[in-house]
PDB file of N, CA and C in Angstrom:
ATOM      1  N   MET A   1      18.688   9.450  -6.449  1.00  0.00           N
ATOM      2  CA  MET A   1      18.355   9.032  -7.798  1.00  0.00           C
ATOM      3  C   MET A   1      19.640   8.782  -8.590  1.00  0.00           C
ATOM      4  N   ASN A   2      19.610   7.729  -9.370  1.00  0.00           N
ATOM      5  CA  ASN A   2      20.771   7.489 -10.212  1.00  0.00           C
ATOM      6  C   ASN A   2      20.548   8.101 -11.590  1.00  0.00           C
ATOM      7  N   LYS A   3      21.425   7.808 -12.538  1.00  0.00           N
ATOM      8  CA  LYS A   3      21.328   8.455 -13.857  1.00  0.00           C
ATOM      9  C   LYS A   3      20.083   8.045 -14.634  1.00  0.00           C
ATOM     10  N   PHE A   4      19.404   6.967 -14.184  1.00  0.00           N
ATOM     11  CA  PHE A   4      18.179   6.521 -14.835  1.00  0.00           C
ATOM     12  C   PHE A   4      16.928   6.997 -14.086  1.00  0.00           C
ATOM     13  N   SER A   5      17.101   7.924 -13.159  1.00  0.00           N
ATOM     14  CA  SER A   5      16.015   8.467 -12.326  1.00  0.00           C
ATOM     15  C   SER A   5      15.346   7.397 -11.479  1.00  0.00           C
ATOM     16  N   VAL A   6      16.134   6.448 -11.014  1.00  0.00           N
ATOM     17  CA  VAL A   6      15.653   5.382 -10.142  1.00  0.00           C
ATOM     18  C   VAL A   6      16.143   5.672  -8.725  1.00  0.00           C
ATOM     19  N   PRO A   7      15.249   5.563  -7.724  1.00  0.00           N
ATOM     20  CA  PRO A   7      15.673   5.815  -6.347  1.00  0.00           C
ATOM     21  C   PRO A   7      16.525   4.652  -5.823  1.00  0.00           C
ATOM     22  N   GLU A   8      17.782   4.651  -6.234  1.00  0.00           N
ATOM     23  CA  GLU A   8      18.678   3.523  -5.994  1.00  0.00           C
ATOM     24  C   GLU A   8      18.807   3.186  -4.506  1.00  0.00           C
ATOM     25  N   TRP A   9      18.957   4.189  -3.657  1.00  0.00           N
ATOM     26  CA  TRP A   9      19.136   3.944  -2.223  1.00  0.00           C
ATOM     27  C   TRP A   9      17.935   3.216  -1.647  1.00  0.00           C
ATOM     28  N   SER A  10      16.730   3.670  -1.994  1.00  0.00           N
ATOM     29  CA  SER A  10      15.531   3.041  -1.438  1.00  0.00           C
ATOM     30  C   SER A  10      15.351   1.615  -1.952  1.00  0.00           C
ATOM     31  N   ILE A  11      15.766   1.349  -3.163  1.00  0.00           N
ATOM     32  CA  ILE A  11      15.671  -0.014  -3.682  1.00  0.00           C
ATOM     33  C   ILE A  11      16.633  -0.932  -2.937  1.00  0.00           C
ATOM     34  N   TRP A  12      17.830  -0.441  -2.619  1.00  0.00           N
ATOM     35  CA  TRP A  12      18.775  -1.261  -1.847  1.00  0.00           C
ATOM     36  C   TRP A  12      18.259  -1.524  -0.436  1.00  0.00           C
ATOM     37  N   VAL A  13      17.641  -0.527   0.176  1.00  0.00           N
ATOM     38  CA  VAL A  13      17.069  -0.715   1.511  1.00  0.00           C
ATOM     39  C   VAL A  13      15.950  -1.754   1.449  1.00  0.00           C
ATOM     40  N   GLN A  14      15.098  -1.645   0.439  1.00  0.00           N
ATOM     41  CA  GLN A  14      14.006  -2.609   0.279  1.00  0.00           C
ATOM     42  C   GLN A  14      14.562  -4.007   0.026  1.00  0.00           C
ATOM     43  N   CYS A  15      15.612  -4.128  -0.750  1.00  0.00           N
ATOM     44  CA  CYS A  15      16.242  -5.415  -1.026  1.00  0.00           C
ATOM     45  C   CYS A  15      16.779  -6.030   0.262  1.00  0.00           C
ATOM     46  N   PHE A  16      17.447  -5.229   1.057  1.00  0.00           N
ATOM     47  CA  PHE A  16      17.985  -5.716   2.324  1.00  0.00           C
ATOM     48  C   PHE A  16      16.866  -6.173   3.248  1.00  0.00           C
ATOM     49  N   TRP A  17      15.828  -5.348   3.383  1.00  0.00           N
ATOM     50  CA  TRP A  17      14.716  -5.690   4.280  1.00  0.00           C
ATOM     51  C   TRP A  17      14.000  -6.956   3.808  1.00  0.00           C
ATOM     52  N   ALA A  18      13.766  -7.084   2.509  1.00  0.00           N
ATOM     53  CA  ALA A  18      13.117  -8.284   1.976  1.00  0.00           C
ATOM     54  C   ALA A  18      13.973  -9.518   2.237  1.00  0.00           C
ATOM     55  N   SER A  19      15.275  -9.380   2.119  1.00  0.00           N
ATOM     56  CA  SER A  19      16.182 -10.505   2.398  1.00  0.00           C
ATOM     57  C   SER A  19      16.114 -10.911   3.860  1.00  0.00           C
ATOM     58  N   VAL A  20      16.093  -9.932   4.747  1.00  0.00           N
ATOM     59  CA  VAL A  20      15.984 -10.237   6.178  1.00  0.00           C
ATOM     60  C   VAL A  20      14.681 -10.970   6.460  1.00  0.00           C
ATOM     61  N   LEU A  21      13.596 -10.492   5.885  1.00  0.00           N
ATOM     62  CA  LEU A  21      12.298 -11.129   6.110  1.00  0.00           C
ATOM     63  C   LEU A  21      12.273 -12.555   5.559  1.00  0.00           C
ATOM     64  N   CYS A  22      12.869 -12.758   4.396  1.00  0.00           N
ATOM     65  CA  CYS A  22      12.893 -14.101   3.807  1.00  0.00           C
ATOM     66  C   CYS A  22      13.731 -15.063   4.639  1.00  0.00           C
ATOM     67  N   LEU A  23      14.760 -14.574   5.283  1.00  0.00           N
ATOM     68  CA  LEU A  23      15.633 -15.432   6.074  1.00  0.00           C
ATOM     69  C   LEU A  23      15.018 -15.844   7.413  1.00  0.00           C
ATOM     70  N   THR A  24      13.886 -15.254   7.772  1.00  0.00           N
ATOM     71  CA  THR A  24      13.229 -15.645   9.024  1.00  0.00           C
ATOM     72  C   THR A  24      12.641 -17.040   8.917  1.00  0.00           C
ATOM     73  N   GLY A  25      12.351 -17.492   7.694  1.00  0.00           N
ATOM     74  CA  GLY A  25      11.848 -18.845   7.495  1.00  0.00           C
ATOM     75  C   GLY A  25      10.374 -19.027   7.795  1.00  0.00           C
ATOM     76  N   LYS A  26       9.646 -17.960   8.044  1.00  0.00           N
ATOM     77  CA  LYS A  26       8.223 -18.055   8.351  1.00  0.00           C
ATOM     78  C   LYS A  26       7.436 -17.393   7.228  1.00  0.00           C
ATOM     79  N   TYR A  27       7.153 -18.154   6.183  1.00  0.00           N
ATOM     80  CA  TYR A  27       6.498 -17.589   5.014  1.00  0.00           C
ATOM     81  C   TYR A  27       5.092 -17.091   5.345  1.00  0.00           C
ATOM     82  N   GLY A  28       4.355 -17.809   6.161  1.00  0.00           N
ATOM     83  CA  GLY A  28       3.001 -17.389   6.525  1.00  0.00           C
ATOM     84  C   GLY A  28       2.992 -16.041   7.226  1.00  0.00           C
ATOM     85  N   ASP A  29       3.945 -15.842   8.130  1.00  0.00           N
ATOM     86  CA  ASP A  29       4.051 -14.552   8.817  1.00  0.00           C
ATOM     87  C   ASP A  29       4.420 -13.437   7.842  1.00  0.00           C
ATOM     88  N   LEU A  30       5.320 -13.747   6.927  1.00  0.00           N
ATOM     89  CA  LEU A  30       5.720 -12.767   5.921  1.00  0.00           C
ATOM     90  C   LEU A  30       4.527 -12.382   5.052  1.00  0.00           C
ATOM     91  N   LEU A  31       3.724 -13.366   4.697  1.00  0.00           N
ATOM     92  CA  LEU A  31       2.536 -13.108   3.890  1.00  0.00           C
ATOM     93  C   LEU A  31       1.553 -12.224   4.649  1.00  0.00           C
ATOM     94  N   ASP A  32       1.304 -12.525   5.920  1.00  0.00           N
ATOM     95  CA  ASP A  32       0.413 -11.689   6.733  1.00  0.00           C
ATOM     96  C   ASP A  32       0.951 -10.266   6.843  1.00  0.00           C
ATOM     97  N   PHE A  33       2.247 -10.152   6.978  1.00  0.00           N
ATOM     98  CA  PHE A  33       2.930  -8.873   7.124  1.00  0.00           C
ATOM     99  C   PHE A  33       2.712  -7.999   5.883  1.00  0.00           C
ATOM    100  N   VAL A  34       2.754  -8.610   4.708  1.00  0.00           N
ATOM    101  CA  VAL A  34       2.707  -7.864   3.455  1.00  0.00           C
ATOM    102  C   VAL A  34       1.279  -7.669   2.941  1.00  0.00           C
ATOM    103  N   VAL A  35       0.425  -8.672   3.093  1.00  0.00           N
ATOM    104  CA  VAL A  35      -0.908  -8.619   2.494  1.00  0.00           C
ATOM    105  C   VAL A  35      -1.713  -7.429   2.993  1.00  0.00           C
ATOM    106  N   ILE A  36      -1.664  -7.160   4.273  1.00  0.00           N
ATOM    107  CA  ILE A  36      -2.457  -6.048   4.795  1.00  0.00           C
ATOM    108  C   ILE A  36      -2.007  -4.722   4.204  1.00  0.00           C
ATOM    109  N   ILE A  37      -0.712  -4.558   4.009  1.00  0.00           N
ATOM    110  CA  ILE A  37      -0.202  -3.306   3.442  1.00  0.00           C
ATOM    111  C   ILE A  37      -0.613  -3.181   1.977  1.00  0.00           C
ATOM    112  N   VAL A  38      -0.526  -4.273   1.249  1.00  0.00           N
ATOM    113  CA  VAL A  38      -0.947  -4.258  -0.155  1.00  0.00           C
ATOM    114  C   VAL A  38      -2.423  -3.894  -0.250  1.00  0.00           C
ATOM    115  N   LEU A  39      -3.242  -4.498   0.596  1.00  0.00           N
ATOM    116  CA  LEU A  39      -4.673  -4.187   0.585  1.00  0.00           C
ATOM    117  C   LEU A  39      -4.929  -2.721   0.909  1.00  0.00           C
ATOM    118  N   ILE A  40      -4.210  -2.188   1.875  1.00  0.00           N
ATOM    119  CA  ILE A  40      -4.393  -0.778   2.234  1.00  0.00           C
ATOM    120  C   ILE A  40      -4.077   0.124   1.036  1.00  0.00           C
ATOM    121  N   PHE A  41      -3.003  -0.169   0.331  1.00  0.00           N
ATOM    122  CA  PHE A  41      -2.666   0.666  -0.825  1.00  0.00           C
ATOM    123  C   PHE A  41      -3.641   0.462  -1.983  1.00  0.00           C
ATOM    124  N   TYR A  42      -4.183  -0.740  -2.153  1.00  0.00           N
ATOM    125  CA  TYR A  42      -5.237  -0.945  -3.159  1.00  0.00           C
ATOM    126  C   TYR A  42      -6.476  -0.139  -2.799  1.00  0.00           C
ATOM    127  N   ILE A  43      -6.849  -0.145  -1.513  1.00  0.00           N
ATOM    128  CA  ILE A  43      -8.000   0.633  -1.064  1.00  0.00           C
ATOM    129  C   ILE A  43      -7.784   2.117  -1.366  1.00  0.00           C
ATOM    130  N   LEU A  44      -6.602   2.626  -1.050  1.00  0.00           N
ATOM    131  CA  LEU A  44      -6.302   4.033  -1.305  1.00  0.00           C
ATOM    132  C   LEU A  44      -6.335   4.353  -2.801  1.00  0.00           C
ATOM    133  N   THR A  45      -5.853   3.425  -3.609  1.00  0.00           N
ATOM    134  CA  THR A  45      -5.872   3.634  -5.059  1.00  0.00           C
ATOM    135  C   THR A  45      -7.296   3.722  -5.577  1.00  0.00           C
ATOM    136  N   ILE A  46      -8.148   2.828  -5.117  1.00  0.00           N
ATOM    137  CA  ILE A  46      -9.532   2.836  -5.582  1.00  0.00           C
ATOM    138  C   ILE A  46     -10.286   4.044  -5.025  1.00  0.00           C
ATOM    139  N   LEU A  47      -9.963   4.454  -3.804  1.00  0.00           N
ATOM    140  CA  LEU A  47     -10.542   5.701  -3.289  1.00  0.00           C
ATOM    141  C   LEU A  47     -10.172   6.874  -4.193  1.00  0.00           C
ATOM    142  N   GLY A  48      -8.985   6.792  -4.782  1.00  0.00           N
ATOM    143  CA  GLY A  48      -8.554   7.836  -5.711  1.00  0.00           C
ATOM    144  C   GLY A  48      -9.481   7.988  -6.900  1.00  0.00           C
ATOM    145  N   ILE A  49     -10.097   6.899  -7.333  1.00  0.00           N
ATOM    146  CA  ILE A  49     -11.064   6.976  -8.444  1.00  0.00           C
ATOM    147  C   ILE A  49     -12.213   7.890  -8.047  1.00  0.00           C
ATOM    148  N   PHE A  50     -12.760   7.671  -6.857  1.00  0.00           N
ATOM    149  CA  PHE A  50     -13.884   8.491  -6.403  1.00  0.00           C
ATOM    150  C   PHE A  50     -13.469   9.950  -6.226  1.00  0.00           C
ATOM    151  N   ILE A  51     -12.289  10.160  -5.660  1.00  0.00           N
ATOM    152  CA  ILE A  51     -11.812  11.534  -5.416  1.00  0.00           C
ATOM    153  C   ILE A  51     -11.591  12.272  -6.732  1.00  0.00           C
ATOM    154  N   LEU A  52     -10.927  11.617  -7.682  1.00  0.00           N
ATOM    155  CA  LEU A  52     -10.661  12.277  -8.964  1.00  0.00           C
ATOM    156  C   LEU A  52     -11.939  12.543  -9.744  1.00  0.00           C
ATOM    157  N   ARG A  53     -12.893  11.638  -9.665  1.00  0.00           N
ATOM    158  CA  ARG A  53     -14.150  11.871 -10.381  1.00  0.00           C
ATOM    159  C   ARG A  53     -14.939  13.016  -9.773  1.00  0.00           C
ATOM    160  N   ARG A  54     -14.764  13.225  -8.484  1.00  0.00           N
ATOM    161  CA  ARG A  54     -15.452  14.350  -7.853  1.00  0.00           C
ATOM    162  C   ARG A  54     -14.722  15.665  -8.141  1.00  0.00           C
ATOM    163  N   LYS A  55     -13.379  15.651  -8.046  1.00  0.00           N
ATOM    164  CA  LYS A  55     -12.603  16.882  -8.227  1.00  0.00           C
ATOM    165  C   LYS A  55     -12.475  17.288  -9.688  1.00  0.00           C
ATOM    166  N   MET A  56     -12.400  16.293 -10.584  1.00  0.00           N
ATOM    167  CA  MET A  56     -12.233  16.585 -12.012  1.00  0.00           C
ATOM    168  C   MET A  56     -13.259  15.795 -12.826  1.00  0.00           C
ATOM    169  N   PRO A  57     -14.528  16.207 -12.754  1.00  0.00           N
ATOM    170  CA  PRO A  57     -15.575  15.425 -13.423  1.00  0.00           C
ATOM    171  C   PRO A  57     -15.473  15.419 -14.949  1.00  0.00           C
ATOM    172  N   ASN A  58     -14.851  16.423 -15.521  1.00  0.00           N
ATOM    173  CA  ASN A  58     -14.777  16.514 -16.983  1.00  0.00           C
ATOM    174  C   ASN A  58     -13.439  16.068 -17.551  1.00  0.00           C
ATOM    175  N   ALA A  59     -12.578  15.490 -16.725  1.00  0.00           N
ATOM    176  CA  ALA A  59     -11.267  15.048 -17.206  1.00  0.00           C
ATOM    177  C   ALA A  59     -11.423  13.882 -18.177  1.00  0.00           C
ATOM    178  N   GLU A  60     -10.500  13.846 -19.135  1.00  0.00           N
ATOM    179  CA  GLU A  60     -10.510  12.740 -20.096  1.00  0.00           C
ATOM    180  C   GLU A  60     -10.141  11.450 -19.370  1.00  0.00           C
ATOM    181  N   ARG A  61     -10.888  10.384 -19.638  1.00  0.00           N
ATOM    182  CA  ARG A  61     -10.633   9.088 -19.013  1.00  0.00           C
ATOM    183  C   ARG A  61     -10.448   8.044 -20.115  1.00  0.00           C
ATOM    184  N   PRO A  62      -9.187   7.707 -20.397  1.00  0.00           N
ATOM    185  CA  PRO A  62      -8.934   6.768 -21.487  1.00  0.00           C
ATOM    186  C   PRO A  62      -9.374   5.338 -21.164  1.00  0.00           C
ATOM    187  N   TYR A  63      -9.654   5.062 -19.914  1.00  0.00           N
ATOM    188  CA  TYR A  63     -10.172   3.741 -19.538  1.00  0.00           C
ATOM    189  C   TYR A  63     -11.277   3.946 -18.522  1.00  0.00           C
ATOM    190  N   ARG A  64     -12.108   2.927 -18.372  1.00  0.00           N
ATOM    191  CA  ARG A  64     -13.249   3.020 -17.473  1.00  0.00           C
ATOM    192  C   ARG A  64     -13.043   2.105 -16.266  1.00  0.00           C
ATOM    193  N   ALA A  65     -13.581   2.526 -15.144  1.00  0.00           N
ATOM    194  CA  ALA A  65     -13.572   1.687 -13.943  1.00  0.00           C
ATOM    195  C   ALA A  65     -14.794   0.778 -14.043  1.00  0.00           C
ATOM    196  N   PHE A  66     -14.552  -0.502 -14.277  1.00  0.00           N
ATOM    197  CA  PHE A  66     -15.638  -1.462 -14.480  1.00  0.00           C
ATOM    198  C   PHE A  66     -16.581  -1.471 -13.278  1.00  0.00           C
ATOM    199  N   GLY A  67     -17.876  -1.353 -13.531  1.00  0.00           N
ATOM    200  CA  GLY A  67     -18.873  -1.424 -12.477  1.00  0.00           C
ATOM    201  C   GLY A  67     -18.949  -0.210 -11.578  1.00  0.00           C
ATOM    202  N   TYR A  68     -18.343   0.905 -12.014  1.00  0.00           N
ATOM    203  CA  TYR A  68     -18.333   2.115 -11.195  1.00  0.00           C
ATOM    204  C   TYR A  68     -19.755   2.596 -10.982  1.00  0.00           C
ATOM    205  N   PRO A  69     -20.145   2.988  -9.814  1.00  0.00           N
ATOM    206  CA  PRO A  69     -19.436   3.122  -8.550  1.00  0.00           C
ATOM    207  C   PRO A  69     -19.589   1.902  -7.631  1.00  0.00           C
ATOM    208  N   PHE A  70     -20.433   0.961  -8.033  1.00  0.00           N
ATOM    209  CA  PHE A  70     -20.776  -0.145  -7.123  1.00  0.00           C
ATOM    210  C   PHE A  70     -19.628  -1.121  -6.898  1.00  0.00           C
ATOM    211  N   LEU A  71     -19.000  -1.582  -7.949  1.00  0.00           N
ATOM    212  CA  LEU A  71     -17.930  -2.571  -7.796  1.00  0.00           C
ATOM    213  C   LEU A  71     -16.711  -2.010  -7.058  1.00  0.00           C
ATOM    214  N   PRO A  72     -16.231  -0.810  -7.391  1.00  0.00           N
ATOM    215  CA  PRO A  72     -15.126  -0.254  -6.603  1.00  0.00           C
ATOM    216  C   PRO A  72     -15.498  -0.044  -5.129  1.00  0.00           C
ATOM    217  N   ALA A  73     -16.719   0.408  -4.869  1.00  0.00           N
ATOM    218  CA  ALA A  73     -17.150   0.610  -3.478  1.00  0.00           C
ATOM    219  C   ALA A  73     -17.236  -0.734  -2.750  1.00  0.00           C
ATOM    220  N   PHE A  74     -17.730  -1.748  -3.437  1.00  0.00           N
ATOM    221  CA  PHE A  74     -17.806  -3.084  -2.846  1.00  0.00           C
ATOM    222  C   PHE A  74     -16.404  -3.601  -2.512  1.00  0.00           C
ATOM    223  N   TYR A  75     -15.465  -3.380  -3.413  1.00  0.00           N
ATOM    224  CA  TYR A  75     -14.087  -3.804  -3.155  1.00  0.00           C
ATOM    225  C   TYR A  75     -13.528  -3.110  -1.915  1.00  0.00           C
ATOM    226  N   ILE A  76     -13.768  -1.821  -1.795  1.00  0.00           N
ATOM    227  CA  ILE A  76     -13.273  -1.073  -0.635  1.00  0.00           C
ATOM    228  C   ILE A  76     -13.837  -1.652   0.655  1.00  0.00           C
ATOM    229  N   VAL A  77     -15.125  -1.958   0.664  1.00  0.00           N
ATOM    230  CA  VAL A  77     -15.765  -2.510   1.864  1.00  0.00           C
ATOM    231  C   VAL A  77     -15.180  -3.882   2.215  1.00  0.00           C
ATOM    232  N   VAL A  78     -15.055  -4.749   1.215  1.00  0.00           N
ATOM    233  CA  VAL A  78     -14.550  -6.111   1.461  1.00  0.00           C
ATOM    234  C   VAL A  78     -13.080  -6.068   1.877  1.00  0.00           C
ATOM    235  N   ALA A  79     -12.268  -5.275   1.190  1.00  0.00           N
ATOM    236  CA  ALA A  79     -10.848  -5.195   1.528  1.00  0.00           C
ATOM    237  C   ALA A  79     -10.648  -4.593   2.918  1.00  0.00           C
ATOM    238  N   THR A  80     -11.469  -3.627   3.285  1.00  0.00           N
ATOM    239  CA  THR A  80     -11.388  -3.050   4.630  1.00  0.00           C
ATOM    240  C   THR A  80     -11.742  -4.101   5.677  1.00  0.00           C
ATOM    241  N   ALA A  81     -12.770  -4.898   5.389  1.00  0.00           N
ATOM    242  CA  ALA A  81     -13.151  -5.970   6.323  1.00  0.00           C
ATOM    243  C   ALA A  81     -12.019  -6.981   6.482  1.00  0.00           C
ATOM    244  N   ILE A  82     -11.348  -7.304   5.395  1.00  0.00           N
ATOM    245  CA  ILE A  82     -10.221  -8.243   5.463  1.00  0.00           C
ATOM    246  C   ILE A  82      -9.090  -7.638   6.293  1.00  0.00           C
ATOM    247  N   CYS A  83      -8.808  -6.351   6.094  1.00  0.00           N
ATOM    248  CA  CYS A  83      -7.758  -5.685   6.879  1.00  0.00           C
ATOM    249  C   CYS A  83      -8.086  -5.714   8.364  1.00  0.00           C
ATOM    250  N   ILE A  84      -9.332  -5.423   8.707  1.00  0.00           N
ATOM    251  CA  ILE A  84      -9.745  -5.450  10.109  1.00  0.00           C
ATOM    252  C   ILE A  84      -9.621  -6.855  10.674  1.00  0.00           C
ATOM    253  N   ALA A  85     -10.042  -7.857   9.879  1.00  0.00           N
ATOM    254  CA  ALA A  85      -9.930  -9.242  10.330  1.00  0.00           C
ATOM    255  C   ALA A  85      -8.477  -9.642  10.530  1.00  0.00           C
ATOM    256  N   LEU A  86      -7.596  -9.233   9.633  1.00  0.00           N
ATOM    257  CA  LEU A  86      -6.175  -9.536   9.784  1.00  0.00           C
ATOM    258  C   LEU A  86      -5.594  -8.871  11.028  1.00  0.00           C
ATOM    259  N   LEU A  87      -5.975  -7.630  11.265  1.00  0.00           N
ATOM    260  CA  LEU A  87      -5.483  -6.946  12.460  1.00  0.00           C
ATOM    261  C   LEU A  87      -6.008  -7.610  13.730  1.00  0.00           C
ATOM    262  N   TYR A  88      -7.217  -8.134  13.668  1.00  0.00           N
ATOM    263  CA  TYR A  88      -7.807  -8.781  14.834  1.00  0.00           C
ATOM    264  C   TYR A  88      -7.211 -10.164  15.086  1.00  0.00           C
ATOM    265  N   THR A  89      -7.048 -10.947  14.019  1.00  0.00           N
ATOM    266  CA  THR A  89      -6.598 -12.340  14.184  1.00  0.00           C
ATOM    267  C   THR A  89      -5.088 -12.509  14.126  1.00  0.00           C
ATOM    268  N   LYS A  90      -4.410 -11.641  13.428  1.00  0.00           N
ATOM    269  CA  LYS A  90      -2.956 -11.758  13.241  1.00  0.00           C
ATOM    270  C   LYS A  90      -2.269 -10.462  13.647  1.00  0.00           C
ATOM    271  N   THR A  91      -2.585  -9.984  14.825  1.00  0.00           N
ATOM    272  CA  THR A  91      -2.088  -8.676  15.281  1.00  0.00           C
ATOM    273  C   THR A  91      -0.570  -8.605  15.285  1.00  0.00           C
ATOM    274  N   SER A  92       0.079  -9.666  15.693  1.00  0.00           N
ATOM    275  CA  SER A  92       1.540  -9.607  15.820  1.00  0.00           C
ATOM    276  C   SER A  92       2.237  -9.397  14.484  1.00  0.00           C
ATOM    277  N   THR A  93       1.731  -9.970  13.426  1.00  0.00           N
ATOM    278  CA  THR A  93       2.380  -9.789  12.127  1.00  0.00           C
ATOM    279  C   THR A  93       1.778  -8.630  11.345  1.00  0.00           C
ATOM    280  N   SER A  94       0.467  -8.599  11.223  1.00  0.00           N
ATOM    281  CA  SER A  94      -0.184  -7.525  10.461  1.00  0.00           C
ATOM    282  C   SER A  94       0.001  -6.180  11.139  1.00  0.00           C
ATOM    283  N   GLY A  95      -0.064  -6.174  12.459  1.00  0.00           N
ATOM    284  CA  GLY A  95       0.107  -4.924  13.199  1.00  0.00           C
ATOM    285  C   GLY A  95       1.467  -4.306  12.970  1.00  0.00           C
ATOM    286  N   TRP A  96       2.506  -5.136  12.993  1.00  0.00           N
ATOM    287  CA  TRP A  96       3.850  -4.618  12.736  1.00  0.00           C
ATOM    288  C   TRP A  96       3.982  -4.119  11.304  1.00  0.00           C
ATOM    289  N   GLY A  97       3.306  -4.773  10.381  1.00  0.00           N
ATOM    290  CA  GLY A  97       3.331  -4.297   9.003  1.00  0.00           C
ATOM    291  C   GLY A  97       2.742  -2.910   8.879  1.00  0.00           C
ATOM    292  N   VAL A  98       1.623  -2.690   9.557  1.00  0.00           N
ATOM    293  CA  VAL A  98       0.980  -1.370   9.527  1.00  0.00           C
ATOM    294  C   VAL A  98       1.863  -0.326  10.218  1.00  0.00           C
ATOM    295  N   VAL A  99       2.477  -0.698  11.335  1.00  0.00           N
ATOM    296  CA  VAL A  99       3.363   0.240  12.043  1.00  0.00           C
ATOM    297  C   VAL A  99       4.521   0.662  11.144  1.00  0.00           C
ATOM    298  N   ILE A 100       5.139  -0.307  10.488  1.00  0.00           N
ATOM    299  CA  ILE A 100       6.266   0.016   9.601  1.00  0.00           C
ATOM    300  C   ILE A 100       5.801   0.885   8.438  1.00  0.00           C
ATOM    301  N   MET A 101       4.621   0.596   7.903  1.00  0.00           N
ATOM    302  CA  MET A 101       4.080   1.411   6.820  1.00  0.00           C
ATOM    303  C   MET A 101       3.866   2.847   7.300  1.00  0.00           C
ATOM    304  N   LEU A 102       3.302   3.011   8.487  1.00  0.00           N
ATOM    305  CA  LEU A 102       3.055   4.348   9.017  1.00  0.00           C
ATOM    306  C   LEU A 102       4.360   5.093   9.323  1.00  0.00           C
ATOM    307  N   LEU A 103       5.405   4.360   9.688  1.00  0.00           N
ATOM    308  CA  LEU A 103       6.707   4.987   9.899  1.00  0.00           C
ATOM    309  C   LEU A 103       7.264   5.564   8.601  1.00  0.00           C
ATOM    310  N   GLY A 104       6.769   5.077   7.483  1.00  0.00           N
ATOM    311  CA  GLY A 104       7.209   5.604   6.196  1.00  0.00           C
ATOM    312  C   GLY A 104       6.726   7.009   5.920  1.00  0.00           C
ATOM    313  N   ILE A 105       5.671   7.448   6.612  1.00  0.00           N
ATOM    314  CA  ILE A 105       5.143   8.794   6.372  1.00  0.00           C
ATOM    315  C   ILE A 105       6.161   9.863   6.752  1.00  0.00           C
ATOM    316  N   PRO A 106       6.714   9.846   7.976  1.00  0.00           N
ATOM    317  CA  PRO A 106       7.731  10.868   8.270  1.00  0.00           C
ATOM    318  C   PRO A 106       8.990  10.709   7.422  1.00  0.00           C
ATOM    319  N   VAL A 107       9.335   9.483   7.080  1.00  0.00           N
ATOM    320  CA  VAL A 107      10.510   9.260   6.220  1.00  0.00           C
ATOM    321  C   VAL A 107      10.276   9.921   4.862  1.00  0.00           C
ATOM    322  N   TYR A 108       9.062   9.785   4.342  1.00  0.00           N
ATOM    323  CA  TYR A 108       8.723  10.409   3.068  1.00  0.00           C
ATOM    324  C   TYR A 108       8.896  11.926   3.141  1.00  0.00           C
ATOM    325  N   TYR A 109       8.352  12.536   4.194  1.00  0.00           N
ATOM    326  CA  TYR A 109       8.438  13.992   4.304  1.00  0.00           C
ATOM    327  C   TYR A 109       9.862  14.473   4.546  1.00  0.00           C
ATOM    328  N   LEU A 110      10.642  13.698   5.278  1.00  0.00           N
ATOM    329  CA  LEU A 110      12.049  14.059   5.468  1.00  0.00           C
ATOM    330  C   LEU A 110      12.818  13.978   4.154  1.00  0.00           C
ATOM    331  N   ALA A 111      12.560  12.939   3.373  1.00  0.00           N
ATOM    332  CA  ALA A 111      13.230  12.797   2.076  1.00  0.00           C
ATOM    333  C   ALA A 111      12.786  13.885   1.118  1.00  0.00           C
ATOM    334  N   LYS A 112      11.504  14.230   1.162  1.00  0.00           N
ATOM    335  CA  LYS A 112      10.978  15.268   0.285  1.00  0.00           C
ATOM    336  C   LYS A 112      11.551  16.642   0.655  1.00  0.00           C
ATOM    337  N   LYS A 113      11.772  16.845   1.946  1.00  0.00           N
ATOM    338  CA  LYS A 113      12.324  18.110   2.424  1.00  0.00           C
ATOM    339  C   LYS A 113      13.753  18.315   1.919  1.00  0.00           C
ATOM    340  N   LYS A 114      14.501  17.220   1.762  1.00  0.00           N
ATOM    341  CA  LYS A 114      15.895  17.314   1.310  1.00  0.00           C
ATOM    342  C   LYS A 114      15.995  17.671  -0.169  1.00  0.00           C
ATOM    343  N   GLU A 115      14.926  17.469  -0.931  1.00  0.00           N
ATOM    344  CA  GLU A 115      14.972  17.740  -2.379  1.00  0.00           C
ATOM    345  C   GLU A 115      15.055  19.186  -2.692  1.00  0.00           C
TER     346      GLU A 115
END
């Protein structure tokens, strides 16, 4: 962390990796690589709505989840179907994206252990 509480090292690593990916010249592959990961994190975020409402039913909610519970559940189903379709049709790019994302789990715990 720098003096502004920004994880400077991780931002530089992300900058380098994004530059390498951009220099490959295959924008479609890059898009497939990233979209599945973005969808997975959106799914996890929306799952968080259901989890928090179950664990903390009386918590103050300054905003509402539009169409809850049907619309968020529908989004989870559709986004999951898209992820499965991407893994099935674009395994070489989407699969590597998921592998790299999963490799971040031990990296996270190692970094957290150093704190």
